[in-house]
Each structure stands twice: as structure tokens, then as C-alpha cells.
């Protein structure tokens, strides 16, 4: 079972965040903005998948690489850890 959690609720459970490396190609081209990812967080709190759903393709891979290193407090349902899906927004600013 995977429980769907709102992005702000899930953000409150974030305990380790790794910032993305801004791709040189995107920087040179003047590309910035947000990348929105659909994520699945495992019972132990690690991000097991991250899929881009919005944002520039030159920024998406860097966002995914960073978010896969994030760690969350486990989400509990009836005192048992559960998998959750949510979205995260990764900003890239020049």
C-alpha cells in the first residue's frame, strides 16, 4: 500500500536534503526555474523513486539525482511505517 501525502506535509518530515548541482549546459543557456518531481518514499524514509512531472529537461536529471539522496522521517499509519507518494519542487535560480 502506498499512501498519498500532500507536499507540505511531507516537507515537514524531511531530515536530510541534498541540493542539486546546477547543470553547466543549463546555466550557459540561461535556463532556470522549478522542477516538480513525483516521489515515492519507502517505509524507512529513503526516496526510492523520483520522476519529473514538470520543468525543463536540462534541469530534471540534476533534480532527480539530488532528491534520490533525500531522507524523510518514516510516515506512520496505525503506528506502522508505510510507503508514501508525494511531490517535491526543486528550484534552480541563476
PDB file of N, CA and C in Angstrom:
ATOM      1  N   UNK A   1       0.842  -1.180   0.000  1.00  0.00           N
ATOM      2  CA  UNK A   1       0.000   0.000   0.000  1.00  0.00           C
ATOM      3  C   UNK A   1       0.890   1.247   0.000  1.00  0.00           C
ATOM      4  N   UNK A   2       0.542   2.214  -0.832  1.00  0.00           N
ATOM      5  CA  UNK A   2       1.245   3.495  -0.867  1.00  0.00           C
ATOM      6  C   UNK A   2       0.243   4.593  -0.545  1.00  0.00           C
ATOM      7  N   UNK A   3       0.552   5.368   0.475  1.00  0.00           N
ATOM      8  CA  UNK A   3      -0.311   6.440   0.941  1.00  0.00           C
ATOM      9  C   UNK A   3       0.086   7.742   0.255  1.00  0.00           C
ATOM     10  N   UNK A   4      -0.881   8.474  -0.271  1.00  0.00           N
ATOM     11  CA  UNK A   4      -0.587   9.766  -0.915  1.00  0.00           C
ATOM     12  C   UNK A   4      -0.608  10.858   0.151  1.00  0.00           C
ATOM     13  N   UNK A   5       0.496  11.625   0.179  1.00  0.00           N
ATOM     14  CA  UNK A   5       0.665  12.685   1.178  1.00  0.00           C
ATOM     15  C   UNK A   5       0.873  14.017   0.452  1.00  0.00           C
ATOM     16  N   UNK A   6       0.302  15.079   0.986  1.00  0.00           N
ATOM     17  CA  UNK A   6       0.499  16.410   0.414  1.00  0.00           C
ATOM     18  C   UNK A   6       1.952  16.848   0.525  1.00  0.00           C
ATOM     19  N   UNK A   7       2.391  17.666  -0.417  1.00  0.00           N
ATOM     20  CA  UNK A   7       3.800  18.063  -0.465  1.00  0.00           C
ATOM     21  C   UNK A   7       4.233  18.832   0.776  1.00  0.00           C
ATOM     22  N   UNK A   8       3.373  19.679   1.339  1.00  0.00           N
ATOM     23  CA  UNK A   8       3.754  20.441   2.529  1.00  0.00           C
ATOM     24  C   UNK A   8       3.845  19.536   3.755  1.00  0.00           C
ATOM     25  N   UNK A   9       2.967  18.567   3.857  1.00  0.00           N
ATOM     26  CA  UNK A   9       3.023  17.609   4.968  1.00  0.00           C
ATOM     27  C   UNK A   9       4.311  16.798   4.875  1.00  0.00           C
ATOM     28  N   UNK A  10       4.627  16.330   3.686  1.00  0.00           N
ATOM     29  CA  UNK A  10       5.839  15.527   3.504  1.00  0.00           C
ATOM     30  C   UNK A  10       7.092  16.371   3.752  1.00  0.00           C
ATOM     31  N   UNK A  11       7.073  17.630   3.335  1.00  0.00           N
ATOM     32  CA  UNK A  11       8.232  18.509   3.541  1.00  0.00           C
ATOM     33  C   UNK A  11       8.564  18.654   5.024  1.00  0.00           C
ATOM     34  N   UNK A  12       7.552  18.611   5.884  1.00  0.00           N
ATOM     35  CA  UNK A  12       7.784  18.729   7.325  1.00  0.00           C
ATOM     36  C   UNK A  12       8.545  17.523   7.877  1.00  0.00           C
ATOM     37  N   UNK A  13       8.540  16.416   7.148  1.00  0.00           N
ATOM     38  CA  UNK A  13       9.221  15.198   7.594  1.00  0.00           C
ATOM     39  C   UNK A  13      10.631  15.065   7.035  1.00  0.00           C
ATOM     40  N   UNK A  14      11.079  16.029   6.256  1.00  0.00           N
ATOM     41  CA  UNK A  14      12.407  15.966   5.635  1.00  0.00           C
ATOM     42  C   UNK A  14      13.496  16.112   6.696  1.00  0.00           C
ATOM     43  N   UNK A  15      14.429  15.143   6.733  1.00  0.00           N
ATOM     44  CA  UNK A  15      15.514  15.212   7.714  1.00  0.00           C
ATOM     45  C   UNK A  15      16.893  15.334   7.055  1.00  0.00           C
ATOM     46  N   UNK A  16      17.005  15.028   5.775  1.00  0.00           N
ATOM     47  CA  UNK A  16      18.272  15.258   5.062  1.00  0.00           C
ATOM     48  C   UNK A  16      17.954  15.698   3.644  1.00  0.00           C
ATOM     49  N   UNK A  17      18.488  16.866   3.283  1.00  0.00           N
ATOM     50  CA  UNK A  17      18.251  17.421   1.950  1.00  0.00           C
ATOM     51  C   UNK A  17      19.593  17.650   1.268  1.00  0.00           C
ATOM     52  N   UNK A  18      19.718  17.200   0.039  1.00  0.00           N
ATOM     53  CA  UNK A  18      20.907  17.421  -0.779  1.00  0.00           C
ATOM     54  C   UNK A  18      20.506  18.377  -1.894  1.00  0.00           C
ATOM     55  N   UNK A  19      21.217  19.494  -1.999  1.00  0.00           N
ATOM     56  CA  UNK A  19      20.913  20.461  -3.055  1.00  0.00           C
ATOM     57  C   UNK A  19      21.405  19.938  -4.402  1.00  0.00           C
ATOM     58  N   UNK A  20      20.661  20.225  -5.475  1.00  0.00           N
ATOM     59  CA  UNK A  20      21.084  19.770  -6.801  1.00  0.00           C
ATOM     60  C   UNK A  20      22.289  20.554  -7.312  1.00  0.00           C
ATOM     61  N   UNK A  21      23.046  19.920  -8.181  1.00  0.00           N
ATOM     62  CA  UNK A  21      24.139  20.590  -8.875  1.00  0.00           C
ATOM     63  C   UNK A  21      23.541  21.206 -10.141  1.00  0.00           C
ATOM     64  N   UNK A  22      23.675  22.528 -10.273  1.00  0.00           N
ATOM     65  CA  UNK A  22      23.112  23.231 -11.425  1.00  0.00           C
ATOM     66  C   UNK A  22      23.895  22.815 -12.669  1.00  0.00           C
ATOM     67  N   UNK A  23      23.255  22.171 -13.649  1.00  0.00           N
ATOM     68  CA  UNK A  23      23.986  21.721 -14.848  1.00  0.00           C
ATOM     69  C   UNK A  23      24.599  22.900 -15.617  1.00  0.00           C
ATOM     70  N   UNK A  24      25.863  22.753 -16.005  1.00  0.00           N
ATOM     71  CA  UNK A  24      26.550  23.823 -16.741  1.00  0.00           C
ATOM     72  C   UNK A  24      25.834  24.182 -18.038  1.00  0.00           C
ATOM     73  N   UNK A  25      25.319  23.166 -18.753  1.00  0.00           N
ATOM     74  CA  UNK A  25      24.599  23.426 -20.012  1.00  0.00           C
ATOM     75  C   UNK A  25      23.401  24.348 -19.774  1.00  0.00           C
ATOM     76  N   UNK A  26      22.678  24.091 -18.689  1.00  0.00           N
ATOM     77  CA  UNK A  26      21.503  24.903 -18.375  1.00  0.00           C
ATOM     78  C   UNK A  26      21.919  26.312 -17.955  1.00  0.00           C
ATOM     79  N   UNK A  27      22.999  26.407 -17.162  1.00  0.00           N
ATOM     80  CA  UNK A  27      23.498  27.716 -16.724  1.00  0.00           C
ATOM     81  C   UNK A  27      23.921  28.551 -17.917  1.00  0.00           C
ATOM     82  N   UNK A  28      24.697  27.934 -18.820  1.00  0.00           N
ATOM     83  CA  UNK A  28      25.192  28.622 -20.007  1.00  0.00           C
ATOM     84  C   UNK A  28      24.043  29.103 -20.885  1.00  0.00           C
ATOM     85  N   UNK A  29      23.000  28.284 -20.985  1.00  0.00           N
ATOM     86  CA  UNK A  29      21.846  28.631 -21.813  1.00  0.00           C
ATOM     87  C   UNK A  29      20.889  29.594 -21.115  1.00  0.00           C
ATOM     88  N   UNK A  30      21.168  29.919 -19.848  1.00  0.00           N
ATOM     89  CA  UNK A  30      20.294  30.839 -19.122  1.00  0.00           C
ATOM     90  C   UNK A  30      18.991  30.220 -18.678  1.00  0.00           C
ATOM     91  N   UNK A  31      18.982  28.910 -18.490  1.00  0.00           N
ATOM     92  CA  UNK A  31      17.751  28.199 -18.115  1.00  0.00           C
ATOM     93  C   UNK A  31      17.677  28.108 -16.592  1.00  0.00           C
ATOM     94  N   UNK A  32      16.528  28.531 -16.053  1.00  0.00           N
ATOM     95  CA  UNK A  32      16.284  28.360 -14.627  1.00  0.00           C
ATOM     96  C   UNK A  32      14.817  28.006 -14.432  1.00  0.00           C
ATOM     97  N   UNK A  33      14.405  27.917 -13.192  1.00  0.00           N
ATOM     98  CA  UNK A  33      13.015  27.592 -12.898  1.00  0.00           C
ATOM     99  C   UNK A  33      12.916  26.408 -11.959  1.00  0.00           C
ATOM    100  N   UNK A  34      11.714  25.927 -11.796  1.00  0.00           N
ATOM    101  CA  UNK A  34      11.442  24.819 -10.882  1.00  0.00           C
ATOM    102  C   UNK A  34      11.265  23.513 -11.634  1.00  0.00           C
ATOM    103  N   UNK A  35      11.669  22.431 -10.982  1.00  0.00           N
ATOM    104  CA  UNK A  35      11.376  21.084 -11.460  1.00  0.00           C
ATOM    105  C   UNK A  35      10.488  20.441 -10.407  1.00  0.00           C
ATOM    106  N   UNK A  36       9.337  19.926 -10.819  1.00  0.00           N
ATOM    107  CA  UNK A  36       8.428  19.236  -9.915  1.00  0.00           C
ATOM    108  C   UNK A  36       8.597  17.738 -10.150  1.00  0.00           C
ATOM    109  N   UNK A  37       8.809  17.012  -9.051  1.00  0.00           N
ATOM    110  CA  UNK A  37       9.016  15.570  -9.124  1.00  0.00           C
ATOM    111  C   UNK A  37       7.938  14.840  -8.342  1.00  0.00           C
ATOM    112  N   UNK A  38       7.484  13.721  -8.881  1.00  0.00           N
ATOM    113  CA  UNK A  38       6.639  12.796  -8.124  1.00  0.00           C
ATOM    114  C   UNK A  38       7.600  11.837  -7.447  1.00  0.00           C
ATOM    115  N   UNK A  39       7.497  11.717  -6.118  1.00  0.00           N
ATOM    116  CA  UNK A  39       8.406  10.834  -5.401  1.00  0.00           C
ATOM    117  C   UNK A  39       7.649   9.739  -4.664  1.00  0.00           C
ATOM    118  N   UNK A  40       8.354   8.632  -4.432  1.00  0.00           N
ATOM    119  CA  UNK A  40       7.861   7.575  -3.562  1.00  0.00           C
ATOM    120  C   UNK A  40       8.900   7.406  -2.471  1.00  0.00           C
ATOM    121  N   UNK A  41       8.430   7.484  -1.223  1.00  0.00           N
ATOM    122  CA  UNK A  41       9.297   7.346  -0.059  1.00  0.00           C
ATOM    123  C   UNK A  41       9.013   5.999   0.588  1.00  0.00           C
ATOM    124  N   UNK A  42      10.060   5.223   0.792  1.00  0.00           N
ATOM    125  CA  UNK A  42       9.931   3.883   1.372  1.00  0.00           C
ATOM    126  C   UNK A  42       9.598   3.966   2.864  1.00  0.00           C
ATOM    127  N   UNK A  43       9.253   2.825   3.425  1.00  0.00           N
ATOM    128  CA  UNK A  43       8.889   2.743   4.836  1.00  0.00           C
ATOM    129  C   UNK A  43       9.991   3.271   5.750  1.00  0.00           C
ATOM    130  N   UNK A  44      11.255   3.119   5.344  1.00  0.00           N
ATOM    131  CA  UNK A  44      12.374   3.572   6.186  1.00  0.00           C
ATOM    132  C   UNK A  44      12.726   5.044   5.964  1.00  0.00           C
ATOM    133  N   UNK A  45      12.037   5.724   5.049  1.00  0.00           N
ATOM    134  CA  UNK A  45      12.239   7.152   4.842  1.00  0.00           C
ATOM    135  C   UNK A  45      13.130   7.529   3.676  1.00  0.00           C
ATOM    136  N   UNK A  46      13.749   6.542   3.002  1.00  0.00           N
ATOM    137  CA  UNK A  46      14.575   6.922   1.845  1.00  0.00           C
ATOM    138  C   UNK A  46      13.694   7.057   0.597  1.00  0.00           C
ATOM    139  N   UNK A  47      14.119   7.931  -0.301  1.00  0.00           N
ATOM    140  CA  UNK A  47      13.367   8.149  -1.540  1.00  0.00           C
ATOM    141  C   UNK A  47      13.723   7.018  -2.490  1.00  0.00           C
ATOM    142  N   UNK A  48      12.737   6.211  -2.834  1.00  0.00           N
ATOM    143  CA  UNK A  48      13.027   5.073  -3.712  1.00  0.00           C
ATOM    144  C   UNK A  48      12.809   5.383  -5.184  1.00  0.00           C
ATOM    145  N   UNK A  49      12.028   6.434  -5.484  1.00  0.00           N
ATOM    146  CA  UNK A  49      11.900   6.843  -6.885  1.00  0.00           C
ATOM    147  C   UNK A  49      11.521   8.315  -6.955  1.00  0.00           C
ATOM    148  N   UNK A  50      11.965   8.935  -8.049  1.00  0.00           N
ATOM    149  CA  UNK A  50      11.664  10.346  -8.309  1.00  0.00           C
ATOM    150  C   UNK A  50      11.501  10.504  -9.813  1.00  0.00           C
ATOM    151  N   UNK A  51      10.341  11.003 -10.213  1.00  0.00           N
ATOM    152  CA  UNK A  51      10.014  11.125 -11.638  1.00  0.00           C
ATOM    153  C   UNK A  51       9.607  12.561 -11.964  1.00  0.00           C
ATOM    154  N   UNK A  52      10.285  13.192 -12.925  1.00  0.00           N
ATOM    155  CA  UNK A  52       9.917  14.563 -13.286  1.00  0.00           C
ATOM    156  C   UNK A  52       8.518  14.631 -13.903  1.00  0.00           C
ATOM    157  N   UNK A  53       7.716  15.583 -13.421  1.00  0.00           N
ATOM    158  CA  UNK A  53       6.385  15.780 -13.999  1.00  0.00           C
ATOM    159  C   UNK A  53       6.216  17.196 -14.547  1.00  0.00           C
ATOM    160  N   UNK A  54       7.186  18.082 -14.222  1.00  0.00           N
ATOM    161  CA  UNK A  54       7.119  19.459 -14.708  1.00  0.00           C
ATOM    162  C   UNK A  54       8.506  20.076 -14.594  1.00  0.00           C
ATOM    163  N   UNK A  55       8.860  20.911 -15.555  1.00  0.00           N
ATOM    164  CA  UNK A  55      10.141  21.610 -15.512  1.00  0.00           C
ATOM    165  C   UNK A  55      10.985  21.339 -16.740  1.00  0.00           C
ATOM    166  N   UNK A  56      12.066  22.091 -16.892  1.00  0.00           N
ATOM    167  CA  UNK A  56      12.931  21.989 -18.062  1.00  0.00           C
ATOM    168  C   UNK A  56      13.732  20.689 -18.032  1.00  0.00           C
ATOM    169  N   UNK A  57      13.780  19.960 -19.156  1.00  0.00           N
ATOM    170  CA  UNK A  57      14.519  18.686 -19.214  1.00  0.00           C
ATOM    171  C   UNK A  57      15.997  18.798 -18.849  1.00  0.00           C
ATOM    172  N   UNK A  58      16.638  19.940 -19.139  1.00  0.00           N
ATOM    173  CA  UNK A  58      18.049  20.091 -18.783  1.00  0.00           C
ATOM    174  C   UNK A  58      18.258  20.155 -17.262  1.00  0.00           C
ATOM    175  N   UNK A  59      17.215  20.474 -16.520  1.00  0.00           N
ATOM    176  CA  UNK A  59      17.316  20.563 -15.071  1.00  0.00           C
ATOM    177  C   UNK A  59      16.806  19.303 -14.370  1.00  0.00           C
ATOM    178  N   UNK A  60      15.983  18.526 -15.056  1.00  0.00           N
ATOM    179  CA  UNK A  60      15.295  17.394 -14.434  1.00  0.00           C
ATOM    180  C   UNK A  60      16.243  16.335 -13.883  1.00  0.00           C
ATOM    181  N   UNK A  61      17.266  15.951 -14.640  1.00  0.00           N
ATOM    182  CA  UNK A  61      18.178  14.893 -14.186  1.00  0.00           C
ATOM    183  C   UNK A  61      18.903  15.303 -12.911  1.00  0.00           C
ATOM    184  N   UNK A  62      19.324  16.561 -12.829  1.00  0.00           N
ATOM    185  CA  UNK A  62      20.015  17.042 -11.627  1.00  0.00           C
ATOM    186  C   UNK A  62      19.069  17.035 -10.425  1.00  0.00           C
ATOM    187  N   UNK A  63      17.806  17.400 -10.652  1.00  0.00           N
ATOM    188  CA  UNK A  63      16.820  17.388  -9.573  1.00  0.00           C
ATOM    189  C   UNK A  63      16.594  15.966  -9.064  1.00  0.00           C
ATOM    190  N   UNK A  64      16.442  15.025  -9.987  1.00  0.00           N
ATOM    191  CA  UNK A  64      16.233  13.623  -9.601  1.00  0.00           C
ATOM    192  C   UNK A  64      17.433  13.096  -8.818  1.00  0.00           C
ATOM    193  N   UNK A  65      18.625  13.368  -9.314  1.00  0.00           N
ATOM    194  CA  UNK A  65      19.849  12.886  -8.649  1.00  0.00           C
ATOM    195  C   UNK A  65      19.931  13.395  -7.210  1.00  0.00           C
ATOM    196  N   UNK A  66      19.584  14.653  -6.987  1.00  0.00           N
ATOM    197  CA  UNK A  66      19.622  15.222  -5.638  1.00  0.00           C
ATOM    198  C   UNK A  66      18.547  14.613  -4.743  1.00  0.00           C
ATOM    199  N   UNK A  67      17.321  14.556  -5.238  1.00  0.00           N
ATOM    200  CA  UNK A  67      16.193  14.107  -4.417  1.00  0.00           C
ATOM    201  C   UNK A  67      16.323  12.628  -4.033  1.00  0.00           C
ATOM    202  N   UNK A  68      16.937  11.831  -4.871  1.00  0.00           N
ATOM    203  CA  UNK A  68      17.137  10.418  -4.521  1.00  0.00           C
ATOM    204  C   UNK A  68      18.061  10.253  -3.311  1.00  0.00           C
ATOM    205  N   UNK A  69      18.751  11.321  -2.917  1.00  0.00           N
ATOM    206  CA  UNK A  69      19.617  11.278  -1.734  1.00  0.00           C
ATOM    207  C   UNK A  69      18.926  11.843  -0.487  1.00  0.00           C
ATOM    208  N   UNK A  70      17.703  12.336  -0.637  1.00  0.00           N
ATOM    209  CA  UNK A  70      16.977  12.897   0.498  1.00  0.00           C
ATOM    210  C   UNK A  70      16.506  11.789   1.422  1.00  0.00           C
ATOM    211  N   UNK A  71      16.279  12.161   2.679  1.00  0.00           N
ATOM    212  CA  UNK A  71      15.788  11.208   3.678  1.00  0.00           C
ATOM    213  C   UNK A  71      14.680  11.880   4.473  1.00  0.00           C
ATOM    214  N   UNK A  72      13.621  11.119   4.726  1.00  0.00           N
ATOM    215  CA  UNK A  72      12.467  11.597   5.486  1.00  0.00           C
ATOM    216  C   UNK A  72      12.276  10.758   6.741  1.00  0.00           C
ATOM    217  N   UNK A  73      11.614  11.363   7.732  1.00  0.00           N
ATOM    218  CA  UNK A  73      11.163  10.563   8.872  1.00  0.00           C
ATOM    219  C   UNK A  73      10.105   9.609   8.323  1.00  0.00           C
ATOM    220  N   UNK A  74      10.108   8.348   8.763  1.00  0.00           N
ATOM    221  CA  UNK A  74       9.076   7.429   8.284  1.00  0.00           C
ATOM    222  C   UNK A  74       7.670   7.942   8.603  1.00  0.00           C
ATOM    223  N   UNK A  75       6.762   7.718   7.670  1.00  0.00           N
ATOM    224  CA  UNK A  75       5.360   8.070   7.876  1.00  0.00           C
ATOM    225  C   UNK A  75       4.676   6.880   8.516  1.00  0.00           C
ATOM    226  N   UNK A  76       3.954   7.134   9.595  1.00  0.00           N
ATOM    227  CA  UNK A  76       3.307   6.050  10.337  1.00  0.00           C
ATOM    228  C   UNK A  76       1.798   6.082  10.124  1.00  0.00           C
ATOM    229  N   UNK A  77       1.244   4.905   9.959  1.00  0.00           N
ATOM    230  CA  UNK A  77      -0.202   4.717   9.885  1.00  0.00           C
ATOM    231  C   UNK A  77      -0.525   3.611  10.879  1.00  0.00           C
ATOM    232  N   UNK A  78      -1.318   3.929  11.893  1.00  0.00           N
ATOM    233  CA  UNK A  78      -1.586   2.974  12.979  1.00  0.00           C
ATOM    234  C   UNK A  78      -0.290   2.457  13.592  1.00  0.00           C
ATOM    235  N   UNK A  79       0.657   3.361  13.774  1.00  0.00           N
ATOM    236  CA  UNK A  79       1.974   3.102  14.362  1.00  0.00           C
ATOM    237  C   UNK A  79       2.871   2.195  13.520  1.00  0.00           C
ATOM    238  N   UNK A  80       2.498   1.954  12.267  1.00  0.00           N
ATOM    239  CA  UNK A  80       3.315   1.150  11.362  1.00  0.00           C
ATOM    240  C   UNK A  80       3.822   2.024  10.223  1.00  0.00           C
ATOM    241  N   UNK A  81       5.119   1.909   9.866  1.00  0.00           N
ATOM    242  CA  UNK A  81       5.642   2.697   8.744  1.00  0.00           C
ATOM    243  C   UNK A  81       5.019   2.261   7.420  1.00  0.00           C
ATOM    244  N   UNK A  82       4.729   3.247   6.560  1.00  0.00           N
ATOM    245  CA  UNK A  82       4.122   2.968   5.254  1.00  0.00           C
ATOM    246  C   UNK A  82       4.866   3.723   4.160  1.00  0.00           C
ATOM    247  N   UNK A  83       4.774   3.194   2.920  1.00  0.00           N
ATOM    248  CA  UNK A  83       5.286   3.906   1.744  1.00  0.00           C
ATOM    249  C   UNK A  83       4.352   5.062   1.463  1.00  0.00           C
ATOM    250  N   UNK A  84       4.933   6.171   1.002  1.00  0.00           N
ATOM    251  CA  UNK A  84       4.109   7.321   0.646  1.00  0.00           C
ATOM    252  C   UNK A  84       4.528   7.872  -0.707  1.00  0.00           C
ATOM    253  N   UNK A  85       3.575   8.473  -1.392  1.00  0.00           N
ATOM    254  CA  UNK A  85       3.884   9.203  -2.618  1.00  0.00           C
ATOM    255  C   UNK A  85       3.533  10.663  -2.379  1.00  0.00           C
ATOM    256  N   UNK A  86       4.309  11.530  -3.004  1.00  0.00           N
ATOM    257  CA  UNK A  86       4.099  12.956  -2.840  1.00  0.00           C
ATOM    258  C   UNK A  86       4.768  13.667  -4.013  1.00  0.00           C
ATOM    259  N   UNK A  87       4.792  14.966  -3.963  1.00  0.00           N
ATOM    260  CA  UNK A  87       5.532  15.741  -4.956  1.00  0.00           C
ATOM    261  C   UNK A  87       6.487  16.678  -4.225  1.00  0.00           C
ATOM    262  N   UNK A  88       7.598  16.993  -4.890  1.00  0.00           N
ATOM    263  CA  UNK A  88       8.540  17.987  -4.370  1.00  0.00           C
ATOM    264  C   UNK A  88       8.886  18.942  -5.496  1.00  0.00           C
ATOM    265  N   UNK A  89       9.168  20.177  -5.138  1.00  0.00           N
ATOM    266  CA  UNK A  89       9.578  21.191  -6.096  1.00  0.00           C
ATOM    267  C   UNK A  89      11.027  21.547  -5.808  1.00  0.00           C
ATOM    268  N   UNK A  90      11.872  21.415  -6.850  1.00  0.00           N
ATOM    269  CA  UNK A  90      13.291  21.720  -6.732  1.00  0.00           C
ATOM    270  C   UNK A  90      13.573  22.973  -7.549  1.00  0.00           C
ATOM    271  N   UNK A  91      13.960  24.076  -6.866  1.00  0.00           N
ATOM    272  CA  UNK A  91      14.209  25.328  -7.592  1.00  0.00           C
ATOM    273  C   UNK A  91      15.631  25.423  -8.139  1.00  0.00           C
ATOM    274  N   UNK A  92      15.756  26.000  -9.314  1.00  0.00           N
ATOM    275  CA  UNK A  92      17.044  26.325  -9.925  1.00  0.00           C
ATOM    276  C   UNK A  92      17.007  27.799 -10.282  1.00  0.00           C
ATOM    277  N   UNK A  93      17.858  28.587  -9.623  1.00  0.00           N
ATOM    278  CA  UNK A  93      17.897  30.025  -9.880  1.00  0.00           C
ATOM    279  C   UNK A  93      19.292  30.421 -10.329  1.00  0.00           C
ATOM    280  N   UNK A  94      19.344  31.272 -11.352  1.00  0.00           N
ATOM    281  CA  UNK A  94      20.651  31.739 -11.864  1.00  0.00           C
ATOM    282  C   UNK A  94      21.355  32.597 -10.846  1.00  0.00           C
TER     283      UNK A  94
END
